[in-house]
Amino acid sequence: MVYQALWLEESHVTRNETLLPICGRLAAVALLAAACCPAARAQTAAPAEAVPPAEAAPAAEAGPSAAAAPAVHRLVQALGSGSLATRDAAERALVALGPTALPAITEAGRDTVGEAAFRLRGIRRELEGQAAAMAVDGGHVDVTVAGVEPIGGTQAAATGVRVRLRMAWQDGPAPLVVKLPLKSIVAEGANGEVMPPAQRAAVLEAAVPKNRRWLELPVALAQPALPLESLAILRGTVMVWVTGMEHAFEFAGIERPQDLPWQPRTLRLGEARVILDDVAVRQERLLVTATIAYDSPTEALASHRTWLGERPLELVAADGTATRPLVQTVRNRSDQGLTATAEFARPASVAKGGLRVRWKLPIAIHEVPIDFAIHDVLLPPR
């Protein structure tokens, strides 16, 4: 028998905390359209530097296209306007673009100073928060009881039970790590009788399978002196680590004269900092060394976890053709990131220019508590 659990969302992230009135969304879209098209600006504009009639709301997840990049740049420039109304309107419009606009906003705001830089930091924090909420809410997670077996002797003399908790995710990427601290488990009978975990200080961890969308966590519970026939409630908290929004970090212009040392380059978005450490030609190979470092240590990057090292660096030609490395080696790693060297067949165009290095990575790694509560769990009869 399988019991459906109640899934309680992370307490500090709610789906509605970033939602604003629809009229604000229309106002923000109108401002973006005006920035994109001077003609539209002339046809729709109110007096110069007018304020949208309401606050902006996040736009569709698709985000701005490459064609809208000049408009994003103009909105970023408007953050430094002499008019408070224009600065406020530009800020609302940029927030309304949603998390997928982060790369364009970051690029457009590299040289901002003063109040524009201050506002831009706030916009980026807001959009990074939206991206985190999307990562948390992007997939539905169920925690259920898949089975209950007696332990500690024959069924008639069992001193406890093993409850197999099944965690399944229906949408979105699979979690990187799943842990269940047994100190979070509460198992009680109808009259408040307690069945404590056998090892309350332990933390269960299950390997995340690649070929299915569920895993099981076996929880051993001790029977009280007067054995229970059922649990009125079984609740606890599963900790999961998930990747945030994905972004393709790209470095252009990687060619250099052989007699000059390579100058490392850095790109940053969200909590991720990517460094192109070195590009070198060795006989018929092009060697690319790069580092990904996150702001904080995370369990998802413990030394025995290999998922990040499996993200390949790519060499992108001027026509957009992407090539994966012949081999990629992790040179060093920590609980904040790693450094990898990728070897490519030396492209014929390496001296002609137009080559780019691309590395698609999450801009953050989120640790998310998932609270569950399961009612009326039948125990094996004695």
Protein backbone atom coordinates (compact mmCIF):
# COMPACT_ATOMS: atom_id res chain seq x y z
CA MET A 1 0.00 0.00 0.00
CA VAL A 2 1.31 3.48 -0.87
CA TYR A 3 0.38 6.50 1.24
CA GLN A 4 0.34 9.93 -0.32
CA ALA A 5 2.21 12.60 1.65
CA LEU A 6 1.51 16.25 2.02
CA TRP A 7 4.36 18.25 0.48
CA LEU A 8 5.02 21.52 2.25
CA GLU A 9 6.97 24.07 0.28
CA GLU A 10 10.13 25.72 1.52
CA SER A 11 9.12 28.21 4.18
CA HIS A 12 11.15 31.17 2.92
CA VAL A 13 10.24 30.82 -0.76
CA THR A 14 6.65 31.21 -1.90
CA ARG A 15 5.23 31.27 -5.37
CA ASN A 16 3.42 34.56 -4.87
CA GLU A 17 6.04 36.74 -3.23
CA THR A 18 7.28 38.22 -6.50
CA LEU A 19 3.90 38.59 -8.22
CA LEU A 20 2.71 42.13 -8.86
CA PRO A 21 -0.39 43.59 -10.55
CA ILE A 22 -0.95 42.76 -14.23
CA CYS A 23 -1.34 46.43 -15.05
CA GLY A 24 2.26 46.90 -13.97
CA ARG A 25 3.34 44.16 -16.36
CA LEU A 26 1.64 45.94 -19.24
CA ALA A 27 3.27 49.20 -18.24
CA ALA A 28 6.71 47.59 -18.13
CA VAL A 29 6.20 45.95 -21.52
CA ALA A 30 5.15 49.29 -22.93
CA LEU A 31 8.29 50.92 -21.59
CA LEU A 32 10.44 48.17 -23.09
CA ALA A 33 8.67 48.52 -26.43
CA ALA A 34 9.29 52.23 -26.37
CA ALA A 35 12.96 51.66 -25.68
CA CYS A 36 13.16 49.14 -28.53
CA CYS A 37 11.46 51.26 -31.15
CA PRO A 38 11.76 55.05 -31.38
CA ALA A 39 8.66 55.16 -33.56
CA ALA A 40 6.64 53.30 -30.97
CA ARG A 41 8.04 55.63 -28.33
CA ALA A 42 6.84 58.63 -30.30
CA GLN A 43 3.37 57.12 -30.82
CA THR A 44 2.73 55.90 -27.28
CA ALA A 45 4.67 58.30 -25.12
CA ALA A 46 3.15 60.52 -22.61
CA PRO A 47 5.19 63.50 -21.59
CA ALA A 48 8.93 62.95 -21.48
CA GLU A 49 10.15 60.70 -18.68
CA ALA A 50 6.63 59.64 -17.71
CA VAL A 51 6.08 57.06 -15.01
CA PRO A 52 4.29 53.74 -15.76
CA PRO A 53 0.89 53.70 -14.03
CA ALA A 54 1.64 50.76 -11.73
CA GLU A 55 4.42 48.53 -10.51
CA ALA A 56 5.93 46.00 -12.88
CA ALA A 57 5.48 42.25 -12.66
CA PRO A 58 7.77 39.50 -13.97
CA ALA A 59 7.37 38.97 -17.69
CA ALA A 60 7.10 35.62 -19.42
CA GLU A 61 9.86 33.13 -18.71
CA ALA A 62 11.19 33.40 -22.22
CA GLY A 63 12.91 36.66 -21.30
CA PRO A 64 14.29 39.22 -23.73
CA SER A 65 15.62 38.07 -27.06
CA ALA A 66 19.00 39.04 -28.45
CA ALA A 67 17.22 41.69 -30.50
CA ALA A 68 16.05 43.34 -27.28
CA ALA A 69 19.61 43.74 -25.92
CA PRO A 70 19.84 47.39 -27.09
CA ALA A 71 16.58 48.08 -25.27
CA VAL A 72 17.94 46.49 -22.11
CA HIS A 73 21.02 48.68 -22.47
CA ARG A 74 18.84 51.80 -22.76
CA LEU A 75 16.85 50.80 -19.68
CA VAL A 76 20.07 50.30 -17.73
CA GLN A 77 21.25 53.73 -18.86
CA ALA A 78 17.91 55.17 -17.70
CA LEU A 79 18.75 54.07 -14.16
CA GLY A 80 21.11 57.06 -14.10
CA SER A 81 18.57 59.55 -15.41
CA GLY A 82 18.14 62.92 -13.73
CA SER A 83 14.43 62.14 -13.33
CA LEU A 84 13.38 60.01 -10.35
CA ALA A 85 10.26 58.91 -12.26
CA THR A 86 12.38 57.63 -15.14
CA ARG A 87 14.79 55.82 -12.82
CA ASP A 88 11.90 54.10 -11.01
CA ALA A 89 10.19 53.16 -14.27
CA ALA A 90 13.40 51.70 -15.72
CA GLU A 91 13.99 49.67 -12.56
CA ARG A 92 10.45 48.21 -12.69
CA ALA A 93 10.81 47.41 -16.37
CA LEU A 94 14.10 45.57 -15.86
CA VAL A 95 12.70 43.51 -12.98
CA ALA A 96 9.68 42.71 -15.15
CA LEU A 97 11.91 40.96 -17.70
CA GLY A 98 12.49 38.09 -15.28
CA PRO A 99 15.53 35.95 -14.44
CA THR A 100 16.34 35.08 -18.05
CA ALA A 101 17.29 38.73 -18.58
CA LEU A 102 20.14 38.47 -16.05
CA PRO A 103 22.91 37.94 -18.64
CA ALA A 104 21.80 40.92 -20.76
CA ILE A 105 21.34 43.15 -17.71
CA THR A 106 24.73 42.14 -16.30
CA GLU A 107 26.45 42.84 -19.62
CA ALA A 108 24.70 46.17 -20.09
CA GLY A 109 25.56 47.30 -16.56
CA ARG A 110 29.29 46.61 -16.47
CA ASP A 111 30.23 50.30 -16.52
CA THR A 112 27.44 51.73 -14.35
CA VAL A 113 28.36 53.96 -11.40
CA GLY A 114 26.61 55.81 -8.62
CA GLU A 115 22.87 55.33 -8.13
CA ALA A 116 22.58 53.34 -11.37
CA ALA A 117 25.06 50.77 -10.03
CA PHE A 118 23.24 50.70 -6.68
CA ARG A 119 19.88 50.07 -8.33
CA LEU A 120 21.39 47.50 -10.66
CA ARG A 121 22.70 45.48 -7.72
CA GLY A 122 19.19 45.46 -6.27
CA ILE A 123 17.70 44.38 -9.60
CA ARG A 124 20.18 41.54 -9.90
CA ARG A 125 19.44 40.37 -6.35
CA GLU A 126 15.72 40.43 -7.12
CA LEU A 127 16.11 38.45 -10.34
CA GLU A 128 18.51 35.98 -8.72
CA GLY A 129 15.89 35.48 -6.00
CA GLN A 130 13.28 34.81 -8.67
CA ALA A 131 15.63 32.31 -10.30
CA ALA A 132 16.05 30.53 -6.95
CA ALA A 133 12.28 30.39 -6.50
CA MET A 134 11.92 28.95 -10.00
CA ALA A 135 14.48 26.27 -9.17
CA VAL A 136 12.65 25.34 -5.98
CA ASP A 137 9.16 25.40 -7.51
CA GLY A 138 10.17 24.03 -10.89
CA GLY A 139 9.35 20.41 -10.05
CA HIS A 140 6.71 18.72 -7.93
CA VAL A 141 8.06 16.39 -5.25
CA ASP A 142 6.09 13.65 -3.50
CA VAL A 143 7.15 11.76 -0.37
CA THR A 144 5.20 8.55 0.20
CA VAL A 145 5.40 5.32 2.18
CA ALA A 146 6.30 2.54 -0.25
CA GLY A 147 6.33 -0.27 2.32
CA VAL A 148 6.67 -1.23 5.99
CA GLU A 149 8.50 -4.36 7.23
CA PRO A 150 9.14 -5.73 10.74
CA ILE A 151 12.73 -5.71 12.06
CA GLY A 152 14.47 -7.07 15.14
CA GLY A 153 13.09 -10.60 15.11
CA THR A 154 10.17 -12.53 13.71
CA GLN A 155 7.03 -10.64 12.82
CA ALA A 156 5.39 -11.72 16.06
CA ALA A 157 8.37 -10.63 18.16
CA ALA A 158 9.61 -7.65 16.11
CA THR A 159 11.09 -4.81 18.13
CA GLY A 160 10.57 -2.24 15.41
CA VAL A 161 9.66 -1.54 11.80
CA ARG A 162 11.46 -0.32 8.72
CA VAL A 163 9.50 2.30 6.82
CA ARG A 164 10.57 2.75 3.20
CA LEU A 165 10.01 6.38 2.30
CA ARG A 166 9.85 6.95 -1.43
CA MET A 167 10.71 10.38 -2.83
CA ALA A 168 9.67 11.03 -6.42
CA TRP A 169 10.09 14.13 -8.57
CA GLN A 170 7.78 14.59 -11.54
CA ASP A 171 9.24 17.58 -13.35
CA GLY A 172 12.45 19.52 -13.61
CA PRO A 173 16.00 18.28 -13.07
CA ALA A 174 16.78 15.51 -10.63
CA PRO A 175 18.19 16.59 -7.26
CA LEU A 176 21.95 16.49 -6.84
CA VAL A 177 21.87 15.24 -3.24
CA VAL A 178 19.09 13.91 -1.00
CA LYS A 179 19.53 13.61 2.77
CA LEU A 180 17.15 12.80 5.60
CA PRO A 181 18.27 13.84 9.12
CA LEU A 182 16.62 11.29 11.40
CA LYS A 183 16.35 13.90 14.15
CA SER A 184 13.62 15.49 12.02
CA ILE A 185 11.45 12.34 12.09
CA VAL A 186 8.34 12.32 14.28
CA ALA A 187 6.29 9.09 14.35
CA GLU A 188 3.30 8.98 16.71
CA GLY A 189 0.28 6.81 17.40
CA ALA A 190 -3.27 8.06 17.80
CA ASN A 191 -2.77 8.69 21.53
CA GLY A 192 0.64 10.32 21.22
CA GLU A 193 2.70 7.12 21.56
CA VAL A 194 6.15 7.69 20.10
CA MET A 195 8.12 5.41 17.78
CA PRO A 196 11.58 7.04 17.74
CA PRO A 197 14.18 6.47 15.01
CA ALA A 198 16.64 3.74 15.95
CA GLN A 199 19.61 6.09 15.38
CA ARG A 200 18.33 9.58 15.92
CA ALA A 201 21.68 11.29 15.30
CA ALA A 202 22.18 9.62 11.92
CA VAL A 203 21.59 11.22 8.52
CA LEU A 204 20.35 9.00 5.70
CA GLU A 205 21.58 9.66 2.18
CA ALA A 206 20.38 7.93 -0.95
CA ALA A 207 22.16 7.79 -4.28
CA VAL A 208 20.21 9.71 -6.92
CA PRO A 209 19.59 7.29 -9.82
CA LYS A 210 20.08 8.39 -13.41
CA ASN A 211 17.54 6.01 -14.94
CA ARG A 212 14.46 6.71 -12.81
CA ARG A 213 12.78 9.62 -11.07
CA TRP A 214 12.47 8.24 -7.56
CA LEU A 215 14.57 6.90 -4.70
CA GLU A 216 13.94 5.30 -1.33
CA LEU A 217 15.09 6.14 2.20
CA PRO A 218 14.68 3.31 4.79
CA VAL A 219 13.78 4.61 8.27
CA ALA A 220 14.01 2.21 11.23
CA LEU A 221 11.56 2.96 14.04
CA ALA A 222 11.45 1.30 17.48
CA GLN A 223 8.15 -0.07 18.76
CA PRO A 224 7.02 1.10 22.21
CA ALA A 225 6.44 -1.41 25.04
CA LEU A 226 2.84 -1.76 23.89
CA PRO A 227 3.30 -2.18 20.11
CA LEU A 228 1.32 0.03 17.78
CA GLU A 229 -0.81 -1.22 14.91
CA SER A 230 -0.63 2.08 13.02
CA LEU A 231 0.91 5.53 13.04
CA ALA A 232 -1.42 8.50 13.18
CA ILE A 233 1.31 10.65 11.68
CA LEU A 234 4.79 10.28 10.26
CA ARG A 235 6.52 13.54 9.45
CA GLY A 236 9.99 14.88 8.85
CA THR A 237 12.19 17.02 6.61
CA VAL A 238 14.15 15.85 3.58
CA MET A 239 17.04 18.09 2.51
CA VAL A 240 17.66 18.29 -1.23
CA TRP A 241 20.28 20.16 -3.24
CA VAL A 242 19.22 21.32 -6.70
CA THR A 243 20.83 23.32 -9.49
CA GLY A 244 19.67 26.84 -10.19
CA MET A 245 19.12 28.52 -13.55
CA GLU A 246 21.47 27.33 -16.29
CA HIS A 247 23.61 29.82 -18.19
CA ALA A 248 26.09 29.45 -21.04
CA PHE A 249 29.22 31.40 -20.01
CA GLU A 250 31.06 32.43 -23.19
CA PHE A 251 34.53 33.87 -23.74
CA ALA A 252 35.26 35.37 -27.16
CA GLY A 253 38.57 36.26 -28.78
CA ILE A 254 40.64 33.40 -27.38
CA GLU A 255 43.45 33.70 -29.93
CA ARG A 256 46.76 35.22 -28.79
CA PRO A 257 50.35 35.50 -30.04
CA GLN A 258 52.49 32.60 -28.88
CA ASP A 259 55.07 34.87 -27.23
CA LEU A 260 52.57 36.60 -24.91
CA PRO A 261 51.34 35.14 -21.62
CA TRP A 262 47.63 34.41 -21.31
CA GLN A 263 45.64 36.89 -19.24
CA PRO A 264 42.86 35.10 -17.29
CA ARG A 265 39.35 36.40 -17.87
CA THR A 266 36.38 36.25 -15.51
CA LEU A 267 32.62 36.17 -15.98
CA ARG A 268 30.16 36.28 -13.10
CA LEU A 269 26.42 35.66 -12.84
CA GLY A 270 24.35 34.84 -9.78
CA GLU A 271 26.55 32.97 -7.31
CA ALA A 272 28.85 31.59 -10.01
CA ARG A 273 32.24 32.94 -11.08
CA VAL A 274 33.84 31.38 -14.17
CA ILE A 275 37.49 32.04 -15.01
CA LEU A 276 39.14 31.21 -18.32
CA ASP A 277 42.55 30.40 -16.84
CA ASP A 278 44.51 29.48 -19.96
CA VAL A 279 44.27 28.72 -23.67
CA ALA A 280 47.31 27.10 -25.27
CA VAL A 281 48.24 25.20 -28.43
CA ARG A 282 50.24 22.01 -27.92
CA GLN A 283 51.14 20.35 -31.21
CA GLU A 284 47.80 19.32 -32.71
CA ARG A 285 45.75 20.03 -29.60
CA LEU A 286 44.10 23.14 -28.26
CA LEU A 287 44.09 23.07 -24.45
CA VAL A 288 41.52 25.12 -22.54
CA THR A 289 41.68 25.42 -18.75
CA ALA A 290 38.80 27.00 -16.84
CA THR A 291 37.54 27.29 -13.26
CA ILE A 292 34.02 27.43 -11.86
CA ALA A 293 33.71 28.72 -8.29
CA TYR A 294 30.52 29.31 -6.28
CA ASP A 295 30.25 31.87 -3.51
CA SER A 296 29.66 29.37 -0.70
CA PRO A 297 30.70 25.79 0.04
CA THR A 298 27.99 23.23 -0.67
CA GLU A 299 27.40 19.56 0.04
CA ALA A 300 26.56 19.15 -3.66
CA LEU A 301 30.26 19.68 -4.49
CA ALA A 302 31.75 17.22 -2.01
CA SER A 303 34.85 15.46 -3.38
CA HIS A 304 33.04 12.22 -4.27
CA ARG A 305 30.37 13.96 -6.37
CA THR A 306 31.27 14.10 -10.06
CA TRP A 307 28.32 15.83 -11.73
CA LEU A 308 30.01 19.23 -12.15
CA GLY A 309 33.14 17.72 -13.72
CA GLU A 310 30.90 16.06 -16.30
CA ARG A 311 29.79 19.45 -17.65
CA PRO A 312 31.88 19.79 -20.84
CA LEU A 313 33.64 22.89 -22.02
CA GLU A 314 32.84 23.61 -25.67
CA LEU A 315 34.73 25.29 -28.50
CA VAL A 316 32.39 27.39 -30.64
CA ALA A 317 33.34 28.40 -34.19
CA ALA A 318 32.40 31.68 -35.86
CA ASP A 319 29.46 29.96 -37.61
CA GLY A 320 28.07 28.76 -34.26
CA THR A 321 29.21 25.14 -34.59
CA ALA A 322 30.06 23.74 -31.16
CA THR A 323 32.69 21.05 -30.59
CA ARG A 324 33.04 18.99 -27.44
CA PRO A 325 36.48 18.08 -26.10
CA LEU A 326 38.32 14.89 -26.96
CA VAL A 327 39.02 14.56 -23.26
CA GLN A 328 38.33 16.70 -20.20
CA THR A 329 40.23 16.30 -16.94
CA VAL A 330 39.45 17.75 -13.52
CA ARG A 331 42.72 19.20 -12.23
CA ASN A 332 41.53 20.13 -8.75
CA ARG A 333 38.26 20.45 -6.90
CA SER A 334 36.81 21.81 -3.66
CA ASP A 335 33.40 22.17 -2.05
CA GLN A 336 33.02 25.46 -3.94
CA GLY A 337 33.94 24.37 -7.47
CA LEU A 338 36.65 22.92 -9.66
CA THR A 339 39.25 23.56 -12.36
CA ALA A 340 39.15 21.51 -15.56
CA THR A 341 41.30 21.23 -18.67
CA ALA A 342 39.67 20.29 -21.97
CA GLU A 343 41.63 19.05 -24.99
CA PHE A 344 40.30 19.79 -28.47
CA ALA A 345 41.60 18.83 -31.87
CA ARG A 346 43.39 21.95 -33.04
CA PRO A 347 40.92 23.79 -35.30
CA ALA A 348 42.13 25.12 -38.63
CA SER A 349 40.66 28.53 -37.78
CA VAL A 350 42.54 28.96 -34.51
CA ALA A 351 44.75 31.67 -36.00
CA LYS A 352 41.94 33.37 -37.93
CA GLY A 353 39.84 34.45 -34.98
CA GLY A 354 36.15 34.04 -34.20
CA LEU A 355 36.55 31.14 -31.77
CA ARG A 356 34.73 31.18 -28.44
CA VAL A 357 34.87 28.99 -25.33
CA ARG A 358 31.49 28.08 -23.82
CA TRP A 359 30.68 26.39 -20.52
CA LYS A 360 27.04 25.78 -19.60
CA LEU A 361 26.66 25.77 -15.82
CA PRO A 362 24.09 26.57 -13.12
CA ILE A 363 24.41 30.07 -11.72
CA ALA A 364 23.66 28.77 -8.21
CA ILE A 365 23.17 25.59 -6.19
CA HIS A 366 20.23 25.65 -3.77
CA GLU A 367 19.74 23.72 -0.54
CA VAL A 368 16.01 23.16 -0.09
CA PRO A 369 14.14 21.63 2.89
CA ILE A 370 11.07 19.60 1.94
CA ASP A 371 8.71 18.97 4.85
CA PHE A 372 6.37 16.00 4.60
CA ALA A 373 3.51 14.65 6.72
CA ILE A 374 1.92 11.24 6.14
CA HIS A 375 -1.20 10.19 8.04
CA ASP A 376 -2.61 6.77 9.02
CA VAL A 377 0.30 4.46 8.22
CA LEU A 378 -0.59 0.81 8.86
CA LEU A 379 2.11 -1.28 10.60
CA PRO A 380 2.66 -5.06 10.16
CA PRO A 381 0.30 -7.05 12.41
CA ARG A 382 1.86 -9.05 15.24
